[in-house]
N, C-alpha and C. Protein backbone atom coordinates (compact mmCIF):
# COMPACT_ATOMS: atom_id res chain seq x y z
N UNK A 1 0.99 -1.08 -0.18
CA UNK A 1 -0.01 0.14 0.15
C UNK A 1 0.96 1.36 0.02
N UNK A 2 1.82 1.22 0.85
CA UNK A 2 2.88 2.53 1.10
C UNK A 2 3.37 2.80 -0.47
N UNK A 3 4.08 1.75 -1.19
CA UNK A 3 4.61 1.73 -1.85
C UNK A 3 3.49 2.33 -3.77
N UNK A 4 2.36 1.79 -3.85
CA UNK A 4 1.08 2.84 -3.98
C UNK A 4 1.19 3.87 -3.87
N UNK A 5 0.59 4.19 -2.92
CA UNK A 5 0.71 5.74 -2.37
C UNK A 5 1.91 6.93 -2.97
N UNK A 6 3.01 6.16 -2.56
CA UNK A 6 4.20 6.92 -3.39
C UNK A 6 4.36 7.17 -4.80
N UNK A 7 4.35 6.22 -5.68
CA UNK A 7 3.98 5.94 -6.74
C UNK A 7 2.74 7.25 -7.38
N UNK A 8 1.47 7.13 -6.77
CA UNK A 8 0.77 8.27 -6.91
C UNK A 8 0.89 9.40 -6.99
N UNK A 9 1.75 9.42 -5.86
CA UNK A 9 2.16 10.82 -5.38
C UNK A 9 3.11 11.83 -6.43
N UNK A 10 3.76 10.70 -6.66
CA UNK A 10 5.11 10.75 -7.87
C UNK A 10 4.48 11.42 -9.14
N UNK A 11 3.46 10.53 -9.49
CA UNK A 11 2.52 11.00 -10.19
C UNK A 11 2.05 12.28 -10.86
N UNK A 12 1.46 12.50 -9.01
CA UNK A 12 0.65 13.79 -9.21
C UNK A 12 1.64 14.88 -9.12
N UNK A 13 2.75 15.14 -8.56
CA UNK A 13 3.83 15.88 -8.19
C UNK A 13 4.43 16.10 -10.19
N UNK A 14 4.56 14.92 -11.01
CA UNK A 14 5.06 14.66 -12.23
C UNK A 14 3.83 15.80 -12.74
N UNK A 15 2.84 15.87 -12.79
CA UNK A 15 1.59 16.26 -13.77
C UNK A 15 1.95 18.21 -13.23
N UNK A 16 2.23 17.71 -12.07
CA UNK A 16 1.70 19.46 -11.05
C UNK A 16 3.19 20.56 -12.26
N UNK A 17 4.20 19.90 -11.70
CA UNK A 17 5.15 20.12 -12.62
C UNK A 17 5.04 19.77 -14.15
N UNK A 18 4.91 19.73 -14.42
CA UNK A 18 4.18 19.52 -15.89
C UNK A 18 3.67 20.76 -16.21
N UNK A 19 2.56 20.93 -15.77
CA UNK A 19 1.72 22.25 -15.79
C UNK A 19 2.60 23.45 -15.78
N UNK A 20 3.61 23.04 -14.68
CA UNK A 20 4.48 24.75 -14.58
C UNK A 20 5.74 24.88 -15.62
N UNK A 21 5.79 24.03 -16.01
CA UNK A 21 6.79 23.63 -16.94
C UNK A 21 6.26 24.36 -18.79
N UNK A 22 5.04 24.04 -18.62
CA UNK A 22 4.30 24.05 -19.69
C UNK A 22 4.03 25.89 -19.39
N UNK A 23 4.04 26.07 -18.47
CA UNK A 23 3.65 27.79 -18.52
C UNK A 23 4.45 28.31 -18.23
N UNK A 24 5.40 28.32 -18.19
CA UNK A 24 6.68 28.21 -17.90
C UNK A 24 7.67 28.45 -19.41
N UNK A 25 6.88 27.84 -19.94
CA UNK A 25 8.33 27.86 -21.43
C UNK A 25 7.22 28.64 -22.40
N UNK A 26 5.94 28.34 -22.06
CA UNK A 26 5.03 29.51 -22.82
C UNK A 26 5.67 31.01 -22.63
N UNK A 27 5.76 31.29 -21.44
CA UNK A 27 5.95 32.96 -21.11
C UNK A 27 7.27 32.94 -21.45
N UNK A 28 8.60 32.00 -21.80
CA UNK A 28 9.45 32.65 -22.34
C UNK A 28 10.22 32.29 -23.99
N UNK A 29 9.23 31.69 -24.35
CA UNK A 29 8.65 31.29 -25.56
C UNK A 29 8.26 32.31 -26.67
N UNK A 30 7.43 33.24 -25.70
CA UNK A 30 6.57 34.28 -26.16
C UNK A 30 7.68 35.87 -26.30
N UNK A 31 8.58 35.72 -24.50
CA UNK A 31 9.96 36.38 -24.71
C UNK A 31 10.39 36.41 -25.98
N UNK A 32 10.96 35.08 -26.02
CA UNK A 32 11.82 35.04 -27.55
C UNK A 32 11.23 35.33 -28.47
N UNK A 33 10.61 35.29 -28.64
CA UNK A 33 9.75 35.50 -30.25
C UNK A 33 9.36 37.16 -30.39
N UNK A 34 9.64 37.73 -29.54
CA UNK A 34 9.82 39.18 -30.04
C UNK A 34 10.40 40.38 -29.37
N UNK A 35 11.49 40.11 -30.04
CA UNK A 35 12.92 40.92 -29.33
C UNK A 35 12.63 42.53 -30.55
N UNK A 36 12.68 43.23 -29.68
CA UNK A 36 12.28 44.41 -30.67
C UNK A 36 13.47 44.71 -31.58
N UNK A 37 13.43 46.24 -32.29
CA UNK A 37 13.80 46.48 -33.06
C UNK A 37 15.59 46.35 -33.29
N UNK A 38 16.05 46.51 -32.05
CA UNK A 38 17.35 46.23 -31.43
C UNK A 38 17.59 45.07 -31.26
N UNK A 39 16.70 43.65 -31.15
CA UNK A 39 17.50 42.47 -30.81
C UNK A 39 17.14 42.40 -29.21
N UNK A 40 16.86 43.60 -28.76
CA UNK A 40 16.73 43.00 -27.48
C UNK A 40 15.10 42.58 -27.27
N UNK A 41 15.38 41.86 -25.84
CA UNK A 41 14.10 40.68 -25.66
C UNK A 41 13.42 41.25 -24.29
N UNK A 42 12.18 41.25 -24.26
CA UNK A 42 11.57 42.20 -23.22
C UNK A 42 11.47 41.06 -22.29
N UNK A 43 12.75 41.00 -21.53
CA UNK A 43 12.87 40.40 -20.44
C UNK A 43 12.14 41.35 -18.92
N UNK A 44 11.55 42.23 -18.97
CA UNK A 44 11.13 42.90 -17.98
C UNK A 44 9.44 41.88 -17.94
N UNK A 45 8.89 41.81 -19.17
CA UNK A 45 7.47 41.78 -19.73
C UNK A 45 7.65 39.99 -18.74
N UNK A 46 8.21 39.43 -19.62
CA UNK A 46 8.56 37.74 -18.81
C UNK A 46 8.71 37.95 -17.29
N UNK A 47 9.76 38.02 -16.42
CA UNK A 47 9.99 38.40 -15.36
C UNK A 47 8.39 38.55 -14.36
N UNK A 48 7.41 39.65 -14.95
CA UNK A 48 6.26 40.09 -14.49
C UNK A 48 5.32 39.24 -14.38
N UNK A 49 5.53 38.35 -15.95
CA UNK A 49 4.29 37.56 -15.95
C UNK A 49 4.90 36.31 -15.23
N UNK A 50 5.56 35.67 -15.23
CA UNK A 50 6.71 34.97 -14.44
C UNK A 50 6.30 35.08 -12.83
N UNK A 51 6.05 36.15 -12.33
CA UNK A 51 5.96 36.93 -10.48
C UNK A 51 4.23 36.69 -10.73
N UNK A 52 3.63 36.82 -11.66
CA UNK A 52 2.36 36.92 -11.88
C UNK A 52 1.90 34.89 -11.76
N UNK A 53 2.01 34.41 -12.53
CA UNK A 53 2.23 32.78 -12.55
C UNK A 53 2.39 32.47 -11.05
N UNK A 54 3.40 32.74 -10.34
CA UNK A 54 3.71 31.75 -9.59
C UNK A 54 2.77 32.87 -7.88
N UNK A 55 2.61 33.72 -8.20
CA UNK A 55 1.83 34.24 -7.26
C UNK A 55 0.40 34.16 -7.56
N UNK A 56 -0.48 34.10 -8.15
CA UNK A 56 -1.55 32.93 -8.34
C UNK A 56 -1.54 31.64 -7.63
N UNK A 57 -0.42 31.04 -8.53
CA UNK A 57 -0.17 29.42 -7.76
C UNK A 57 -0.43 29.44 -6.23
N UNK A 58 0.52 30.54 -5.57
CA UNK A 58 0.28 30.09 -4.11
C UNK A 58 -0.78 31.17 -3.42
N UNK A 59 -1.57 32.22 -3.90
CA UNK A 59 -2.69 32.28 -3.26
C UNK A 59 -3.96 31.92 -3.48
N UNK A 60 -3.96 31.16 -4.71
CA UNK A 60 -4.82 29.47 -4.58
C UNK A 60 -4.69 29.25 -3.25
N UNK A 61 -3.47 28.46 -3.18
CA UNK A 61 -3.21 27.77 -1.69
C UNK A 61 -3.56 28.42 -1.32
N UNK A 62 -2.92 29.39 -0.65
CA UNK A 62 -3.15 30.18 0.68
C UNK A 62 -5.10 30.69 1.13
N UNK A 63 -5.58 30.84 -0.15
CA UNK A 63 -6.68 30.67 -0.01
C UNK A 63 -7.73 29.78 0.51
N UNK A 64 -6.84 28.99 -0.01
CA UNK A 64 -8.01 26.92 0.35
C UNK A 64 -7.51 26.84 2.13
N UNK A 65 -6.14 26.85 2.43
CA UNK A 65 -5.86 26.99 4.02
C UNK A 65 -6.65 28.17 4.42
N UNK A 66 -7.18 29.37 4.51
CA UNK A 66 -7.20 30.27 5.01
C UNK A 66 -9.41 29.49 4.72
N UNK A 67 -9.87 29.02 4.29
CA UNK A 67 -11.32 28.21 4.00
C UNK A 67 -11.03 27.51 4.92
N UNK A 68 -10.25 26.28 4.97
CA UNK A 68 -10.13 25.43 5.60
C UNK A 68 -9.71 25.59 7.36
N UNK A 69 -9.14 26.40 7.80
CA UNK A 69 -9.04 26.62 8.83
C UNK A 69 -10.58 27.49 9.09
N UNK A 70 -10.96 28.53 8.68
CA UNK A 70 -12.37 29.24 8.81
C UNK A 70 -13.35 28.22 9.24
N UNK A 71 -13.78 27.08 8.28
CA UNK A 71 -14.44 25.75 8.35
C UNK A 71 -13.66 25.43 9.73
N UNK A 72 -12.60 24.94 10.05
CA UNK A 72 -12.83 24.21 11.33
C UNK A 72 -12.83 25.08 12.63
N UNK A 73 -12.19 26.44 12.77
CA UNK A 73 -13.19 27.43 13.76
C UNK A 73 -14.85 27.26 13.81
N UNK A 74 -15.33 27.09 12.52
CA UNK A 74 -17.01 26.94 12.49
C UNK A 74 -17.53 25.55 13.32
N UNK A 75 -16.55 24.72 13.41
CA UNK A 75 -16.55 23.60 14.03
C UNK A 75 -16.51 23.23 15.38
N UNK A 76 -16.09 24.71 15.50
CA UNK A 76 -15.23 24.58 16.78
C UNK A 76 -13.96 23.66 17.46
N UNK A 77 -13.70 23.86 16.30
CA UNK A 77 -11.99 23.27 16.26
C UNK A 77 -10.41 24.03 15.94
N UNK A 78 -9.69 23.65 16.74
CA UNK A 78 -8.84 24.51 16.62
C UNK A 78 -7.58 24.53 15.34
N UNK A 79 -7.96 25.41 14.74
CA UNK A 79 -7.48 25.15 13.50
C UNK A 79 -5.76 24.71 13.32
N UNK A 80 -4.65 25.24 14.68
CA UNK A 80 -3.21 24.70 14.67
C UNK A 80 -3.55 23.65 14.75
N UNK A 81 -4.40 22.74 15.36
CA UNK A 81 -3.66 21.24 15.88
C UNK A 81 -4.11 20.25 14.28
N UNK A 82 -4.75 21.01 13.15
CA UNK A 82 -4.65 20.17 11.73
C UNK A 82 -3.27 19.60 11.61
N UNK A 83 -3.44 18.37 11.30
CA UNK A 83 -2.36 18.01 10.35
C UNK A 83 -1.72 18.13 9.37
N UNK A 84 -0.58 18.45 9.09
CA UNK A 84 -0.25 19.05 7.45
C UNK A 84 0.06 17.90 6.57
N UNK A 85 0.27 17.20 7.04
CA UNK A 85 0.20 15.86 5.87
C UNK A 85 -1.33 16.09 5.40
N UNK A 86 -1.87 15.78 6.48
CA UNK A 86 -3.60 15.65 5.93
C UNK A 86 -4.15 16.68 5.66
N UNK A 87 -3.90 17.86 5.98
CA UNK A 87 -4.33 19.51 5.19
C UNK A 87 -3.57 19.32 3.47
N UNK A 88 -2.28 18.57 3.43
CA UNK A 88 -1.69 18.90 2.12
C UNK A 88 -2.80 17.98 1.13
N UNK A 89 -2.93 16.69 1.82
CA UNK A 89 -3.36 15.90 1.02
C UNK A 89 -4.77 16.32 0.23
N UNK A 90 -6.01 17.00 1.38
CA UNK A 90 -7.01 17.35 1.04
C UNK A 90 -6.93 18.27 -0.28
N UNK A 91 -5.92 19.94 0.08
CA UNK A 91 -5.60 20.84 -0.34
C UNK A 91 -5.55 20.02 -1.90
N UNK A 92 -4.84 19.27 -2.03
CA UNK A 92 -4.41 18.72 -3.43
C UNK A 92 -5.66 17.86 -3.77
N UNK A 93 -6.54 17.35 -3.30
CA UNK A 93 -7.32 16.67 -3.85
C UNK A 93 -8.57 17.96 -3.62
N UNK A 94 -8.41 19.18 -3.25
CA UNK A 94 -9.74 20.39 -3.74
C UNK A 94 -9.35 20.88 -4.85
N UNK A 95 -7.99 20.43 -5.08
CA UNK A 95 -7.56 21.72 -6.18
C UNK A 95 -7.12 20.92 -7.64
N UNK A 96 -7.47 20.08 -7.14
CA UNK A 96 -7.41 19.42 -8.59
C UNK A 96 -6.06 19.33 -8.72
N UNK A 97 -5.13 18.73 -8.09
CA UNK A 97 -3.99 18.42 -8.45
C UNK A 97 -3.23 17.26 -7.94
N UNK A 98 -4.07 16.24 -8.32
CA UNK A 98 -3.85 15.36 -7.70
C UNK A 98 -3.98 14.08 -8.87
């Protein structure tokens, strides 16, 4: 059972990494396809797009954990005692990155 769980986890991580890689390659390709008349690449624009992509991914995760803590409080529980591995697994399921 442990080996199956680890294999599935690695597959899920791989899918998440592939999605990130695809998005990052898209941003970099757009930059490389659009040099200005002097041959200078719009690196500032690419950097900004990369920042926004990473920021959006983190905001999604932070928003989820905030909602989860609110649910815990609503149920009369203390969100500080939630088990991190269980939280991460539930976040992955809810965010569709499994």
